[in-house]
């Protein structure tokens, strides 16, 4: 059996969804050891299955959800009894003082963009200055170097 035919047979999907028989699982594990490229195919199929699950996801019917809630002993918010002393406790997460405002992040990003723009303009004007200087030297070559007079 060719590897491509084996992949196209749907064994990867059956394996990932738990629909493969015990013999198929053993054979598939053996094939994974022989052909490491199957691991890449598994990752691709897992990603595709995850996307299908996210895009086509929907809430379960009410009866199913009620059975799940009973099974995990989920307590409905409306059925909660008030505290015995009449107080309601509201728990707030502790603030460690490490919250950062979104505006500081925006300012930081804008400063980074400004620095990059200034660096780009600096390079641009330096190149323009160099070309202009070369053109001036080409048009007006100096016959003798200009040196300041030396004093004795």
Foldseek 3Di string as FASTA:
>chain_A
DDPVVVLVVCLLVCVVVVNDDPVSVVVVVVVCVVDVVVVVVNVVVVVVVVVCCVVPPDDDDPVVVVVVCVVVVPDDPVPDDDDPVNDDDDDDDDDPVPDDDVVVVVVVVVVVVVVVVVVVVVVVVVVVVVVVVVVVCVVDPDPDDDDDDDDD
